[in-house]
Amino acid sequence: MKKFILSLVAVFAVSVSSFAAVDNDVKTLNNKMNKMESYLQMDGYQTSVMTGATMKLQDALQQAILETNEETKAQEIKKAVEKNLKQTSRVLSMDQYKRYLRVLNSTLQNAGLNEYTR
């Protein structure tokens, strides 16, 4: 009985910690999007599209980084960034898009991924 209770406590602890990690990721994304919304002066529609595009870019970059073949990794990163730029260029005004390019370039450079997008 003691082992069963300890097992339940362990499962509960793992569940809570994984939920906290997901909750932290959501808070981080919301914080980033709030800053981007303010910097780019986006309306509600633009914010919702940009949130989706940002999430897709993050997922694609995370998958690409796991690639062991450097050539494939470079292609996947470049493809993810180009797809993101197509999505964002359709939603943002020219001035907003130029600002977004600055943010994206800085982000890629800080993450060490700018060499893959040339």
Protein backbone atom coordinates (compact mmCIF):
# COMPACT_ATOMS: atom_id res chain seq x y z
CA MET A 1 0.00 0.00 0.00
CA LYS A 2 2.85 2.35 0.83
CA LYS A 3 4.43 1.80 -2.61
CA PHE A 4 1.11 2.50 -4.28
CA ILE A 5 0.72 5.82 -2.47
CA LEU A 6 4.31 6.80 -3.26
CA SER A 7 3.69 5.93 -6.92
CA LEU A 8 0.60 8.13 -6.98
CA VAL A 9 2.53 11.00 -5.43
CA ALA A 10 5.30 10.58 -8.01
CA VAL A 11 2.81 10.54 -10.91
CA PHE A 12 1.08 13.61 -9.50
CA ALA A 13 4.41 15.44 -9.12
CA VAL A 14 5.41 14.67 -12.73
CA SER A 15 1.98 15.78 -13.99
CA VAL A 16 2.15 19.06 -12.11
CA SER A 17 5.70 19.80 -13.28
CA SER A 18 4.86 19.11 -16.94
CA PHE A 19 1.77 21.31 -16.70
CA ALA A 20 3.87 24.07 -15.16
CA ALA A 21 6.36 23.84 -18.04
CA VAL A 22 3.58 24.15 -20.63
CA ASP A 23 2.02 27.02 -18.68
CA ASN A 24 5.42 28.77 -18.58
CA ASP A 25 5.79 28.36 -22.36
CA VAL A 26 2.35 29.88 -22.90
CA LYS A 27 3.18 32.82 -20.61
CA THR A 28 6.48 33.38 -22.43
CA LEU A 29 4.78 33.34 -25.83
CA ASN A 30 2.05 35.70 -24.61
CA ASN A 31 4.68 38.08 -23.24
CA LYS A 32 6.60 38.03 -26.54
CA MET A 33 3.44 38.57 -28.55
CA ASN A 34 2.36 41.48 -26.34
CA LYS A 35 5.72 43.15 -26.92
CA MET A 36 5.55 42.49 -30.67
CA GLU A 37 1.96 43.76 -30.83
CA SER A 38 3.03 46.98 -29.16
CA TYR A 39 6.20 47.41 -31.24
CA LEU A 40 4.46 46.73 -34.56
CA GLN A 41 1.23 48.48 -33.53
CA MET A 42 -0.89 45.57 -34.72
CA ASP A 43 -4.65 45.29 -34.60
CA GLY A 44 -6.49 42.23 -33.24
CA TYR A 45 -6.60 40.36 -36.54
CA GLN A 46 -2.91 40.91 -37.20
CA THR A 47 -2.05 39.78 -33.68
CA SER A 48 -3.99 36.53 -34.04
CA VAL A 49 -2.38 35.72 -37.39
CA MET A 50 1.07 36.65 -36.12
CA THR A 51 0.62 34.48 -33.03
CA GLY A 52 -0.16 31.48 -35.22
CA ALA A 53 2.72 32.24 -37.56
CA THR A 54 5.13 32.64 -34.65
CA MET A 55 4.06 29.34 -33.10
CA LYS A 56 4.47 27.55 -36.44
CA LEU A 57 7.92 29.09 -36.91
CA GLN A 58 9.03 28.07 -33.42
CA ASP A 59 7.82 24.49 -33.98
CA ALA A 60 9.49 24.26 -37.39
CA LEU A 61 12.77 25.65 -36.08
CA GLN A 62 12.76 23.25 -33.15
CA GLN A 63 12.26 20.33 -35.53
CA ALA A 64 14.95 21.60 -37.90
CA ILE A 65 17.50 22.03 -35.12
CA LEU A 66 17.14 18.35 -34.26
CA GLU A 67 18.24 17.41 -37.78
CA THR A 68 21.71 15.84 -37.77
CA ASN A 69 22.54 16.49 -41.42
CA GLU A 70 23.75 20.11 -41.66
CA GLU A 71 22.59 20.55 -45.26
CA THR A 72 19.10 19.33 -44.44
CA LYS A 73 19.06 21.45 -41.30
CA ALA A 74 19.94 24.56 -43.30
CA GLN A 75 17.23 23.80 -45.87
CA GLU A 76 14.59 23.22 -43.20
CA ILE A 77 15.46 26.41 -41.31
CA LYS A 78 15.45 28.46 -44.51
CA LYS A 79 12.13 26.94 -45.58
CA ALA A 80 10.56 27.69 -42.17
CA VAL A 81 11.73 31.31 -42.22
CA GLU A 82 10.57 31.85 -45.81
CA LYS A 83 7.14 30.40 -45.00
CA ASN A 84 6.88 32.70 -41.99
CA LEU A 85 7.84 35.72 -44.07
CA LYS A 86 5.18 34.89 -46.68
CA GLN A 87 2.51 34.64 -43.97
CA THR A 88 3.52 37.84 -42.25
CA SER A 89 3.93 39.88 -45.42
CA ARG A 90 0.27 39.23 -46.26
CA VAL A 91 -0.95 40.59 -42.94
CA LEU A 92 1.36 43.45 -42.04
CA SER A 93 1.69 46.84 -43.67
CA MET A 94 5.02 47.66 -45.33
CA ASP A 95 6.23 49.65 -42.31
CA GLN A 96 5.18 46.90 -39.90
CA TYR A 97 6.82 44.27 -42.10
CA LYS A 98 10.13 46.17 -42.14
CA ARG A 99 10.03 46.37 -38.35
CA TYR A 100 9.20 42.67 -38.14
CA LEU A 101 12.19 41.85 -40.34
CA ARG A 102 14.44 43.66 -37.88
CA VAL A 103 12.99 41.68 -34.99
CA LEU A 104 13.25 38.37 -36.85
CA ASN A 105 16.83 39.03 -37.96
CA SER A 106 17.85 39.91 -34.41
CA THR A 107 16.13 36.83 -33.06
CA LEU A 108 17.80 34.52 -35.58
CA GLN A 109 21.16 36.13 -34.94
CA ASN A 110 20.80 35.79 -31.15
CA ALA A 111 19.83 32.13 -31.57
CA GLY A 112 22.80 31.50 -33.84
CA LEU A 113 20.57 30.58 -36.77
CA ASN A 114 21.27 33.49 -39.12
CA GLU A 115 24.02 31.54 -40.89
CA TYR A 116 21.39 29.06 -42.08
CA THR A 117 19.16 31.68 -43.70
CA ARG A 118 21.63 33.18 -46.16
